[in-house]
Amino acid sequence: MKNKFLKTIVALSAVCIAFYSCKDDDTLPVDFDDLINTGVPFASEIITNGSTNVNKLDPSSSSFSKDYQLISPAGGTDISKVEVYVSIAGQNVTAAEVLLSTVESSSFTNTDGGYPEVNISFDGASIIAALGIDPAGLEGGDTFDYRLALTNPQGTFSDVSANFDNQSADHTFSSTVVCDSPTLPAGDWIIDMQDSYGDGWQPTTSGGGGPGITITLSNGTVFEIGLCTPYEDPGYPCTPGVSSGSITITIPDGVSGDWVFNGDFWGEMSYQITGPSGSTVATATAGSAAGPIALNLCNE
């Protein structure tokens, strides 16, 4: 039986070897202390709320909210504004970067007495309006790219990354165009699953087990899906195949559904979901974060 702890030790050793030393932070591209000493401000993301996708069928329903702590030599109080820029290079639509929103310091909050915090919020309709594009030209899988910029007396700074002790600023992010229909296309859906280590799916714990994907239909039907693991009884009707496997589920006409990926504890799980028409509607690579699965139904 494989020793999961050994795998963890090997992974940590590889990190140390890659940087030649694990004793200090001099190996990192940007040091937290250097940023503070030079006066460069940056934003450390603390919360992400809502989906990061844009629903082509109803852009205004796609709302985003991201909260950041603002860090600088003056405790963040010298930061005068935070700006968000957006661009798109899609299959049929391309638009150069434009200013999407600005949050002035008067709107910053400081609820815990520490660094000030800023909320960045916008919706799909405002993104499309800012870029001046025709939403009819959007295709499923197109990506909007965003860039955060912070201004203090020393200037405007953007894309500060890889900061000390994993305090990296999420100064760039993106969202994907999907078609989120109120009801799911009826028919057979295929979920192909892989595990890169070859020991089945363990979504949430080192002990293994539990469904990797849960689908809850509006008619009360619940599908629990994942590859069987040899370490314990998963507790649901899993799919045989420790390295790969496939399952087909049938969804009736006129129902909606919530699709949730329950996590990837060891960073080994990947999957592809194919709709009734044969188009790929969702994919995840190994190590993908847990959360709702956004189905791209533009081609269904």
C-alpha atoms as a PDB file:
ATOM      1  CA  MET A   1       0.000   0.000   0.000  1.00  0.00           C
ATOM      2  CA  LYS A   2       1.287   3.396  -0.882  1.00  0.00           C
ATOM      3  CA  ASN A   3       2.491   5.648   1.919  1.00  0.00           C
ATOM      4  CA  LYS A   4       0.873   9.059   1.413  1.00  0.00           C
ATOM      5  CA  PHE A   5       3.202  10.618   3.986  1.00  0.00           C
ATOM      6  CA  LEU A   6       6.204   9.562   1.917  1.00  0.00           C
ATOM      7  CA  LYS A   7       4.710  11.343  -1.086  1.00  0.00           C
ATOM      8  CA  THR A   8       4.369  14.537   0.954  1.00  0.00           C
ATOM      9  CA  ILE A   9       7.987  14.336   2.125  1.00  0.00           C
ATOM     10  CA  VAL A  10       9.208  13.796  -1.440  1.00  0.00           C
ATOM     11  CA  ALA A  11       7.199  16.788  -2.650  1.00  0.00           C
ATOM     12  CA  LEU A  12       8.624  19.043   0.080  1.00  0.00           C
ATOM     13  CA  SER A  13      12.148  17.822  -0.661  1.00  0.00           C
ATOM     14  CA  ALA A  14      11.695  18.661  -4.330  1.00  0.00           C
ATOM     15  CA  VAL A  15      10.729  22.201  -3.400  1.00  0.00           C
ATOM     16  CA  CYS A  16      13.827  22.585  -1.240  1.00  0.00           C
ATOM     17  CA  ILE A  17      16.084  21.218  -3.982  1.00  0.00           C
ATOM     18  CA  ALA A  18      14.529  23.539  -6.565  1.00  0.00           C
ATOM     19  CA  PHE A  19      15.408  26.579  -4.474  1.00  0.00           C
ATOM     20  CA  TYR A  20      18.697  25.086  -3.140  1.00  0.00           C
ATOM     21  CA  SER A  21      17.707  25.998   0.417  1.00  0.00           C
ATOM     22  CA  CYS A  22      14.643  26.091   2.662  1.00  0.00           C
ATOM     23  CA  LYS A  23      16.319  28.154   5.392  1.00  0.00           C
ATOM     24  CA  ASP A  24      15.213  31.653   4.389  1.00  0.00           C
ATOM     25  CA  ASP A  25      13.197  33.649   1.885  1.00  0.00           C
ATOM     26  CA  ASP A  26      16.119  34.971  -0.170  1.00  0.00           C
ATOM     27  CA  THR A  27      15.274  32.438  -2.877  1.00  0.00           C
ATOM     28  CA  LEU A  28      11.874  34.027  -3.582  1.00  0.00           C
ATOM     29  CA  PRO A  29      11.615  36.445  -6.536  1.00  0.00           C
ATOM     30  CA  VAL A  30      10.148  39.228  -4.371  1.00  0.00           C
ATOM     31  CA  ASP A  31      10.692  39.594  -0.647  1.00  0.00           C
ATOM     32  CA  PHE A  32       7.951  41.015   1.572  1.00  0.00           C
ATOM     33  CA  ASP A  33      10.470  43.137   3.506  1.00  0.00           C
ATOM     34  CA  ASP A  34      11.920  44.522   0.264  1.00  0.00           C
ATOM     35  CA  LEU A  35       8.456  45.640  -0.841  1.00  0.00           C
ATOM     36  CA  ILE A  36       7.852  47.443   2.443  1.00  0.00           C
ATOM     37  CA  ASN A  37      11.294  49.075   2.398  1.00  0.00           C
ATOM     38  CA  THR A  38      10.869  50.389  -1.135  1.00  0.00           C
ATOM     39  CA  GLY A  39       7.373  51.707  -0.496  1.00  0.00           C
ATOM     40  CA  VAL A  40       5.642  49.427  -2.996  1.00  0.00           C
ATOM     41  CA  PRO A  41       2.017  48.833  -1.934  1.00  0.00           C
ATOM     42  CA  PHE A  42       0.233  45.618  -2.711  1.00  0.00           C
ATOM     43  CA  ALA A  43      -3.132  43.981  -2.114  1.00  0.00           C
ATOM     44  CA  SER A  44      -3.467  40.607  -0.437  1.00  0.00           C
ATOM     45  CA  GLU A  45      -6.724  38.827  -1.289  1.00  0.00           C
ATOM     46  CA  ILE A  46      -8.653  37.668   1.750  1.00  0.00           C
ATOM     47  CA  ILE A  47     -12.065  36.608   0.389  1.00  0.00           C
ATOM     48  CA  THR A  48     -13.591  35.761  -2.981  1.00  0.00           C
ATOM     49  CA  ASN A  49     -17.363  35.701  -3.230  1.00  0.00           C
ATOM     50  CA  GLY A  50     -19.528  34.460  -6.087  1.00  0.00           C
ATOM     51  CA  SER A  51     -18.722  32.867  -9.416  1.00  0.00           C
ATOM     52  CA  THR A  52     -15.901  34.188 -11.555  1.00  0.00           C
ATOM     53  CA  ASN A  53     -17.667  33.298 -14.818  1.00  0.00           C
ATOM     54  CA  VAL A  54     -19.720  35.488 -17.148  1.00  0.00           C
ATOM     55  CA  ASN A  55     -23.028  34.026 -18.271  1.00  0.00           C
ATOM     56  CA  LYS A  56     -23.481  34.959 -21.927  1.00  0.00           C
ATOM     57  CA  LEU A  57     -27.234  34.339 -21.669  1.00  0.00           C
ATOM     58  CA  ASP A  58     -27.641  36.797 -18.774  1.00  0.00           C
ATOM     59  CA  PRO A  59     -24.465  38.846 -18.162  1.00  0.00           C
ATOM     60  CA  SER A  60     -25.959  41.029 -15.431  1.00  0.00           C
ATOM     61  CA  SER A  61     -26.603  37.911 -13.323  1.00  0.00           C
ATOM     62  CA  SER A  62     -22.836  37.250 -13.172  1.00  0.00           C
ATOM     63  CA  SER A  63     -21.687  39.338 -10.227  1.00  0.00           C
ATOM     64  CA  PHE A  64     -18.262  39.321  -8.594  1.00  0.00           C
ATOM     65  CA  SER A  65     -17.009  40.450  -5.213  1.00  0.00           C
ATOM     66  CA  LYS A  66     -13.356  40.283  -4.153  1.00  0.00           C
ATOM     67  CA  ASP A  67     -11.987  41.679  -0.898  1.00  0.00           C
ATOM     68  CA  TYR A  68      -8.355  42.707  -0.396  1.00  0.00           C
ATOM     69  CA  GLN A  69      -6.154  43.945   2.421  1.00  0.00           C
ATOM     70  CA  LEU A  70      -4.060  46.920   1.324  1.00  0.00           C
ATOM     71  CA  ILE A  71      -0.489  46.684   2.568  1.00  0.00           C
ATOM     72  CA  SER A  72       2.205  49.386   2.427  1.00  0.00           C
ATOM     73  CA  PRO A  73       4.934  51.009   4.611  1.00  0.00           C
ATOM     74  CA  ALA A  74       2.283  53.357   6.030  1.00  0.00           C
ATOM     75  CA  GLY A  75       0.014  50.491   6.996  1.00  0.00           C
ATOM     76  CA  GLY A  76      -2.017  50.895   3.809  1.00  0.00           C
ATOM     77  CA  THR A  77      -3.254  54.352   4.778  1.00  0.00           C
ATOM     78  CA  ASP A  78      -1.186  56.029   2.043  1.00  0.00           C
ATOM     79  CA  ILE A  79      -2.996  54.147  -0.740  1.00  0.00           C
ATOM     80  CA  SER A  80      -5.343  56.626  -2.407  1.00  0.00           C
ATOM     81  CA  LYS A  81      -7.169  54.384  -4.868  1.00  0.00           C
ATOM     82  CA  VAL A  82      -7.477  50.915  -6.345  1.00  0.00           C
ATOM     83  CA  GLU A  83      -8.249  50.478 -10.040  1.00  0.00           C
ATOM     84  CA  VAL A  84      -9.374  47.437 -12.006  1.00  0.00           C
ATOM     85  CA  TYR A  85      -8.577  47.115 -15.715  1.00  0.00           C
ATOM     86  CA  VAL A  86     -10.090  44.560 -18.096  1.00  0.00           C
ATOM     87  CA  SER A  87      -9.368  43.237 -21.593  1.00  0.00           C
ATOM     88  CA  ILE A  88     -10.501  40.353 -23.773  1.00  0.00           C
ATOM     89  CA  ALA A  89      -8.936  38.334 -26.568  1.00  0.00           C
ATOM     90  CA  GLY A  90     -11.747  35.964 -27.507  1.00  0.00           C
ATOM     91  CA  GLN A  91     -12.479  33.728 -30.454  1.00  0.00           C
ATOM     92  CA  ASN A  92     -14.522  36.394 -32.251  1.00  0.00           C
ATOM     93  CA  VAL A  93     -14.181  39.435 -29.986  1.00  0.00           C
ATOM     94  CA  THR A  94     -11.008  41.308 -29.063  1.00  0.00           C
ATOM     95  CA  ALA A  95     -10.751  44.515 -27.051  1.00  0.00           C
ATOM     96  CA  ALA A  96      -7.743  46.312 -25.605  1.00  0.00           C
ATOM     97  CA  GLU A  97      -7.450  46.957 -21.885  1.00  0.00           C
ATOM     98  CA  VAL A  98      -9.745  49.620 -20.428  1.00  0.00           C
ATOM     99  CA  LEU A  99     -10.468  50.928 -16.941  1.00  0.00           C
ATOM    100  CA  LEU A 100     -13.354  48.948 -15.454  1.00  0.00           C
ATOM    101  CA  SER A 101     -13.710  50.477 -11.998  1.00  0.00           C
ATOM    102  CA  THR A 102     -12.026  52.723  -9.438  1.00  0.00           C
ATOM    103  CA  VAL A 103     -12.381  52.561  -5.672  1.00  0.00           C
ATOM    104  CA  GLU A 104     -11.224  55.689  -3.848  1.00  0.00           C
ATOM    105  CA  SER A 105      -9.737  55.574  -0.350  1.00  0.00           C
ATOM    106  CA  SER A 106     -12.916  57.061   1.098  1.00  0.00           C
ATOM    107  CA  SER A 107     -14.578  53.703   0.413  1.00  0.00           C
ATOM    108  CA  PHE A 108     -11.900  51.616   2.139  1.00  0.00           C
ATOM    109  CA  THR A 109     -12.880  49.874   5.373  1.00  0.00           C
ATOM    110  CA  ASN A 110     -10.885  48.854   8.437  1.00  0.00           C
ATOM    111  CA  THR A 111     -12.949  46.468  10.503  1.00  0.00           C
ATOM    112  CA  ASP A 112     -10.221  44.783  12.535  1.00  0.00           C
ATOM    113  CA  GLY A 113      -7.889  47.684  13.243  1.00  0.00           C
ATOM    114  CA  GLY A 114      -5.264  46.315  10.855  1.00  0.00           C
ATOM    115  CA  TYR A 115      -4.646  47.098   7.220  1.00  0.00           C
ATOM    116  CA  PRO A 116      -7.473  48.849   5.366  1.00  0.00           C
ATOM    117  CA  GLU A 117      -9.617  46.675   3.147  1.00  0.00           C
ATOM    118  CA  VAL A 118     -11.165  47.310  -0.248  1.00  0.00           C
ATOM    119  CA  ASN A 119     -14.027  45.582  -2.006  1.00  0.00           C
ATOM    120  CA  ILE A 120     -13.890  45.145  -5.788  1.00  0.00           C
ATOM    121  CA  SER A 121     -17.300  44.362  -7.243  1.00  0.00           C
ATOM    122  CA  PHE A 122     -18.755  44.377 -10.740  1.00  0.00           C
ATOM    123  CA  ASP A 123     -20.981  42.276 -12.991  1.00  0.00           C
ATOM    124  CA  GLY A 124     -20.853  40.834 -16.491  1.00  0.00           C
ATOM    125  CA  ALA A 125     -22.961  43.620 -17.979  1.00  0.00           C
ATOM    126  CA  SER A 126     -20.578  46.309 -16.691  1.00  0.00           C
ATOM    127  CA  ILE A 127     -17.599  44.425 -18.128  1.00  0.00           C
ATOM    128  CA  ILE A 128     -19.200  44.246 -21.561  1.00  0.00           C
ATOM    129  CA  ALA A 129     -20.210  47.930 -21.411  1.00  0.00           C
ATOM    130  CA  ALA A 130     -16.716  49.055 -20.376  1.00  0.00           C
ATOM    131  CA  LEU A 131     -15.124  47.172 -23.286  1.00  0.00           C
ATOM    132  CA  GLY A 132     -17.794  48.345 -25.748  1.00  0.00           C
ATOM    133  CA  ILE A 133     -18.236  44.887 -27.249  1.00  0.00           C
ATOM    134  CA  ASP A 134     -21.279  43.093 -28.670  1.00  0.00           C
ATOM    135  CA  PRO A 135     -22.132  40.225 -26.287  1.00  0.00           C
ATOM    136  CA  ALA A 136     -23.561  38.248 -29.214  1.00  0.00           C
ATOM    137  CA  GLY A 137     -19.987  37.784 -30.439  1.00  0.00           C
ATOM    138  CA  LEU A 138     -18.864  36.079 -27.239  1.00  0.00           C
ATOM    139  CA  GLU A 139     -18.218  32.350 -27.318  1.00  0.00           C
ATOM    140  CA  GLY A 140     -18.068  29.839 -24.520  1.00  0.00           C
ATOM    141  CA  GLY A 141     -14.520  29.612 -23.213  1.00  0.00           C
ATOM    142  CA  ASP A 142     -13.605  33.237 -24.021  1.00  0.00           C
ATOM    143  CA  THR A 143     -11.677  34.837 -21.167  1.00  0.00           C
ATOM    144  CA  PHE A 144     -11.841  38.301 -19.640  1.00  0.00           C
ATOM    145  CA  ASP A 145      -8.501  39.269 -18.073  1.00  0.00           C
ATOM    146  CA  TYR A 146      -8.290  41.717 -15.164  1.00  0.00           C
ATOM    147  CA  ARG A 147      -5.434  43.703 -13.652  1.00  0.00           C
ATOM    148  CA  LEU A 148      -5.383  45.457 -10.293  1.00  0.00           C
ATOM    149  CA  ALA A 149      -3.483  48.747  -9.839  1.00  0.00           C
ATOM    150  CA  LEU A 150      -2.758  50.530  -6.536  1.00  0.00           C
ATOM    151  CA  THR A 151      -1.755  54.180  -6.174  1.00  0.00           C
ATOM    152  CA  ASN A 152       0.173  55.789  -3.312  1.00  0.00           C
ATOM    153  CA  PRO A 153       2.432  58.906  -3.208  1.00  0.00           C
ATOM    154  CA  GLN A 154       5.248  57.002  -4.904  1.00  0.00           C
ATOM    155  CA  GLY A 155       3.166  56.142  -7.958  1.00  0.00           C
ATOM    156  CA  THR A 156       0.867  53.466  -9.332  1.00  0.00           C
ATOM    157  CA  PHE A 157       1.868  49.834  -8.951  1.00  0.00           C
ATOM    158  CA  SER A 158       0.463  46.683 -10.520  1.00  0.00           C
ATOM    159  CA  ASP A 159       1.132  42.940 -10.719  1.00  0.00           C
ATOM    160  CA  VAL A 160       3.252  42.614  -7.591  1.00  0.00           C
ATOM    161  CA  SER A 161       3.510  38.847  -7.173  1.00  0.00           C
ATOM    162  CA  ALA A 162       5.268  36.032  -5.300  1.00  0.00           C
ATOM    163  CA  ASN A 163       5.585  37.975  -2.062  1.00  0.00           C
ATOM    164  CA  PHE A 164       7.079  36.773   1.193  1.00  0.00           C
ATOM    165  CA  ASP A 165       5.496  33.766   2.968  1.00  0.00           C
ATOM    166  CA  ASN A 166       2.731  33.200   0.424  1.00  0.00           C
ATOM    167  CA  GLN A 167       1.345  36.710   0.879  1.00  0.00           C
ATOM    168  CA  SER A 168       1.220  37.054  -2.892  1.00  0.00           C
ATOM    169  CA  ALA A 169      -1.040  39.726  -4.324  1.00  0.00           C
ATOM    170  CA  ASP A 170      -3.802  38.539  -6.580  1.00  0.00           C
ATOM    171  CA  HIS A 171      -3.273  41.539  -8.846  1.00  0.00           C
ATOM    172  CA  THR A 172      -4.303  39.627 -11.959  1.00  0.00           C
ATOM    173  CA  PHE A 173      -7.256  37.308 -12.390  1.00  0.00           C
ATOM    174  CA  SER A 174      -9.690  36.204 -15.083  1.00  0.00           C
ATOM    175  CA  SER A 175     -13.220  34.993 -15.767  1.00  0.00           C
ATOM    176  CA  THR A 176     -14.587  32.671 -18.413  1.00  0.00           C
ATOM    177  CA  VAL A 177     -17.627  33.099 -20.660  1.00  0.00           C
ATOM    178  CA  VAL A 178     -20.171  30.328 -20.184  1.00  0.00           C
ATOM    179  CA  CYS A 179     -23.818  29.761 -21.106  1.00  0.00           C
ATOM    180  CA  ASP A 180     -25.661  28.985 -17.909  1.00  0.00           C
ATOM    181  CA  SER A 181     -29.182  27.874 -18.830  1.00  0.00           C
ATOM    182  CA  PRO A 182     -31.969  27.737 -16.202  1.00  0.00           C
ATOM    183  CA  THR A 183     -32.504  24.069 -17.099  1.00  0.00           C
ATOM    184  CA  LEU A 184     -30.061  21.360 -18.081  1.00  0.00           C
ATOM    185  CA  PRO A 185     -30.149  19.751 -21.534  1.00  0.00           C
ATOM    186  CA  ALA A 186     -31.872  16.388 -21.238  1.00  0.00           C
ATOM    187  CA  GLY A 187     -30.015  13.225 -22.174  1.00  0.00           C
ATOM    188  CA  ASP A 188     -26.859  11.314 -21.340  1.00  0.00           C
ATOM    189  CA  TRP A 189     -23.980  13.144 -19.690  1.00  0.00           C
ATOM    190  CA  ILE A 190     -20.481  11.611 -19.508  1.00  0.00           C
ATOM    191  CA  ILE A 191     -18.018  12.324 -16.715  1.00  0.00           C
ATOM    192  CA  ASP A 192     -14.468  11.128 -17.467  1.00  0.00           C
ATOM    193  CA  MET A 193     -12.208  11.002 -14.408  1.00  0.00           C
ATOM    194  CA  GLN A 194      -8.464  10.593 -13.878  1.00  0.00           C
ATOM    195  CA  ASP A 195      -6.130  10.259 -10.895  1.00  0.00           C
ATOM    196  CA  SER A 196      -2.494  11.020 -11.677  1.00  0.00           C
ATOM    197  CA  TYR A 197      -1.112   8.835  -8.863  1.00  0.00           C
ATOM    198  CA  GLY A 198      -3.344   5.866  -9.592  1.00  0.00           C
ATOM    199  CA  ASP A 199      -5.025   5.336  -6.240  1.00  0.00           C
ATOM    200  CA  GLY A 200      -8.541   6.587  -6.870  1.00  0.00           C
ATOM    201  CA  TRP A 201     -10.114   9.808  -5.640  1.00  0.00           C
ATOM    202  CA  GLN A 202      -9.678  11.207  -2.148  1.00  0.00           C
ATOM    203  CA  PRO A 203     -11.292  14.621  -2.390  1.00  0.00           C
ATOM    204  CA  THR A 204     -11.118  15.915   1.162  1.00  0.00           C
ATOM    205  CA  THR A 205      -9.013  13.753   3.477  1.00  0.00           C
ATOM    206  CA  SER A 206      -5.806  11.741   3.442  1.00  0.00           C
ATOM    207  CA  GLY A 207      -7.809   8.662   4.361  1.00  0.00           C
ATOM    208  CA  GLY A 208      -9.621   8.690   1.040  1.00  0.00           C
ATOM    209  CA  GLY A 209     -13.236   8.224   0.124  1.00  0.00           C
ATOM    210  CA  GLY A 210     -16.199  10.473  -0.478  1.00  0.00           C
ATOM    211  CA  PRO A 211     -17.648  11.615  -3.805  1.00  0.00           C
ATOM    212  CA  GLY A 212     -15.495  13.974  -5.826  1.00  0.00           C
ATOM    213  CA  ILE A 213     -18.471  15.427  -7.700  1.00  0.00           C
ATOM    214  CA  THR A 214     -22.002  15.844  -6.378  1.00  0.00           C
ATOM    215  CA  ILE A 215     -24.897  16.693  -8.698  1.00  0.00           C
ATOM    216  CA  THR A 216     -28.206  17.676  -7.102  1.00  0.00           C
ATOM    217  CA  LEU A 217     -31.152  17.969  -9.502  1.00  0.00           C
ATOM    218  CA  SER A 218     -34.248  20.058  -8.854  1.00  0.00           C
ATOM    219  CA  ASN A 219     -36.383  16.888  -8.887  1.00  0.00           C
ATOM    220  CA  GLY A 220     -34.531  15.581  -5.825  1.00  0.00           C
ATOM    221  CA  THR A 221     -32.159  13.202  -7.615  1.00  0.00           C
ATOM    222  CA  VAL A 222     -28.586  13.252  -6.311  1.00  0.00           C
ATOM    223  CA  PHE A 223     -25.595  11.775  -8.166  1.00  0.00           C
ATOM    224  CA  GLU A 224     -22.385  11.099  -6.216  1.00  0.00           C
ATOM    225  CA  ILE A 225     -19.461  10.533  -8.561  1.00  0.00           C
ATOM    226  CA  GLY A 226     -15.796   9.595  -8.197  1.00  0.00           C
ATOM    227  CA  LEU A 227     -13.165   6.928  -8.760  1.00  0.00           C
ATOM    228  CA  CYS A 228     -13.015   4.118  -6.204  1.00  0.00           C
ATOM    229  CA  THR A 229     -10.069   4.182  -3.817  1.00  0.00           C
ATOM    230  CA  PRO A 230      -8.472   0.972  -2.440  1.00  0.00           C
ATOM    231  CA  TYR A 231      -7.942   2.451   1.013  1.00  0.00           C
ATOM    232  CA  GLU A 232     -11.481   2.247   2.372  1.00  0.00           C
ATOM    233  CA  ASP A 233     -15.128   1.878   1.453  1.00  0.00           C
ATOM    234  CA  PRO A 234     -15.913   5.220  -0.220  1.00  0.00           C
ATOM    235  CA  GLY A 235     -19.475   5.149   1.098  1.00  0.00           C
ATOM    236  CA  TYR A 236     -21.127   5.764  -2.271  1.00  0.00           C
ATOM    237  CA  PRO A 237     -21.398   3.868  -5.603  1.00  0.00           C
ATOM    238  CA  CYS A 238     -18.001   4.870  -6.962  1.00  0.00           C
ATOM    239  CA  THR A 239     -16.639   4.148 -10.439  1.00  0.00           C
ATOM    240  CA  PRO A 240     -14.033   1.341 -10.718  1.00  0.00           C
ATOM    241  CA  GLY A 241     -10.599   2.351 -12.006  1.00  0.00           C
ATOM    242  CA  VAL A 242      -7.898   3.759  -9.742  1.00  0.00           C
ATOM    243  CA  SER A 243      -6.208   5.722 -12.557  1.00  0.00           C
ATOM    244  CA  SER A 244      -9.165   6.533 -14.793  1.00  0.00           C
ATOM    245  CA  GLY A 245     -12.809   5.763 -15.248  1.00  0.00           C
ATOM    246  CA  SER A 246     -15.981   7.037 -16.864  1.00  0.00           C
ATOM    247  CA  ILE A 247     -19.610   7.192 -15.842  1.00  0.00           C
ATOM    248  CA  THR A 248     -22.740   8.166 -17.761  1.00  0.00           C
ATOM    249  CA  ILE A 249     -25.714   9.761 -16.026  1.00  0.00           C
ATOM    250  CA  THR A 250     -29.105  10.501 -17.574  1.00  0.00           C
ATOM    251  CA  ILE A 251     -30.754  13.832 -16.851  1.00  0.00           C
ATOM    252  CA  PRO A 252     -34.483  14.148 -17.584  1.00  0.00           C
ATOM    253  CA  ASP A 253     -36.133  17.044 -19.369  1.00  0.00           C
ATOM    254  CA  GLY A 254     -37.008  20.267 -17.571  1.00  0.00           C
ATOM    255  CA  VAL A 255     -34.778  20.067 -14.489  1.00  0.00           C
ATOM    256  CA  SER A 256     -32.040  22.326 -13.161  1.00  0.00           C
ATOM    257  CA  GLY A 257     -29.068  21.136 -11.164  1.00  0.00           C
ATOM    258  CA  ASP A 258     -26.230  22.149  -8.877  1.00  0.00           C
ATOM    259  CA  TRP A 259     -22.859  20.649  -9.798  1.00  0.00           C
ATOM    260  CA  VAL A 260     -20.197  20.772  -7.079  1.00  0.00           C
ATOM    261  CA  PHE A 261     -16.575  19.600  -7.036  1.00  0.00           C
ATOM    262  CA  ASN A 262     -15.750  18.604  -3.467  1.00  0.00           C
ATOM    263  CA  GLY A 263     -11.986  19.106  -3.589  1.00  0.00           C
ATOM    264  CA  ASP A 264      -8.659  17.449  -4.410  1.00  0.00           C
ATOM    265  CA  PHE A 265      -6.710  16.713  -1.229  1.00  0.00           C
ATOM    266  CA  TRP A 266      -3.568  15.358  -2.928  1.00  0.00           C
ATOM    267  CA  GLY A 267      -3.679  17.447  -6.120  1.00  0.00           C
ATOM    268  CA  GLU A 268      -4.163  14.379  -8.333  1.00  0.00           C
ATOM    269  CA  MET A 269      -7.760  14.532  -9.576  1.00  0.00           C
ATOM    270  CA  SER A 270      -8.906  15.740 -12.988  1.00  0.00           C
ATOM    271  CA  TYR A 271     -12.113  15.370 -14.965  1.00  0.00           C
ATOM    272  CA  GLN A 272     -13.987  16.292 -18.142  1.00  0.00           C
ATOM    273  CA  ILE A 273     -17.780  16.598 -18.423  1.00  0.00           C
ATOM    274  CA  THR A 274     -19.459  16.031 -21.790  1.00  0.00           C
ATOM    275  CA  GLY A 275     -23.027  17.152 -22.481  1.00  0.00           C
ATOM    276  CA  PRO A 276     -25.687  15.252 -24.470  1.00  0.00           C
ATOM    277  CA  SER A 277     -24.661  16.887 -27.760  1.00  0.00           C
ATOM    278  CA  GLY A 278     -21.071  15.680 -27.370  1.00  0.00           C
ATOM    279  CA  SER A 279     -19.517  19.034 -26.439  1.00  0.00           C
ATOM    280  CA  THR A 280     -17.176  19.408 -23.464  1.00  0.00           C
ATOM    281  CA  VAL A 281     -18.968  21.593 -20.936  1.00  0.00           C
ATOM    282  CA  ALA A 282     -16.490  21.571 -18.029  1.00  0.00           C
ATOM    283  CA  THR A 283     -12.935  20.464 -17.272  1.00  0.00           C
ATOM    284  CA  ALA A 284     -10.681  20.490 -14.239  1.00  0.00           C
ATOM    285  CA  THR A 285      -6.971  19.808 -13.988  1.00  0.00           C
ATOM    286  CA  ALA A 286      -5.224  18.185 -11.028  1.00  0.00           C
ATOM    287  CA  GLY A 287      -5.271  20.437  -7.994  1.00  0.00           C
ATOM    288  CA  SER A 288      -8.364  22.429  -8.994  1.00  0.00           C
ATOM    289  CA  ALA A 289     -10.093  24.161  -6.113  1.00  0.00           C
ATOM    290  CA  ALA A 290     -13.301  22.884  -4.622  1.00  0.00           C
ATOM    291  CA  GLY A 291     -16.539  24.674  -5.398  1.00  0.00           C
ATOM    292  CA  PRO A 292     -19.426  24.943  -7.856  1.00  0.00           C
ATOM    293  CA  ILE A 293     -18.802  23.589 -11.359  1.00  0.00           C
ATOM    294  CA  ALA A 294     -19.680  26.128 -14.050  1.00  0.00           C
ATOM    295  CA  LEU A 295     -21.098  24.333 -17.083  1.00  0.00           C
ATOM    296  CA  ASN A 296     -20.420  25.928 -20.449  1.00  0.00           C
ATOM    297  CA  LEU A 297     -23.662  25.159 -22.289  1.00  0.00           C
ATOM    298  CA  CYS A 298     -23.057  27.516 -25.228  1.00  0.00           C
ATOM    299  CA  ASN A 299     -22.712  24.582 -27.633  1.00  0.00           C
ATOM    300  CA  GLU A 300     -25.456  22.445 -26.122  1.00  0.00           C
END
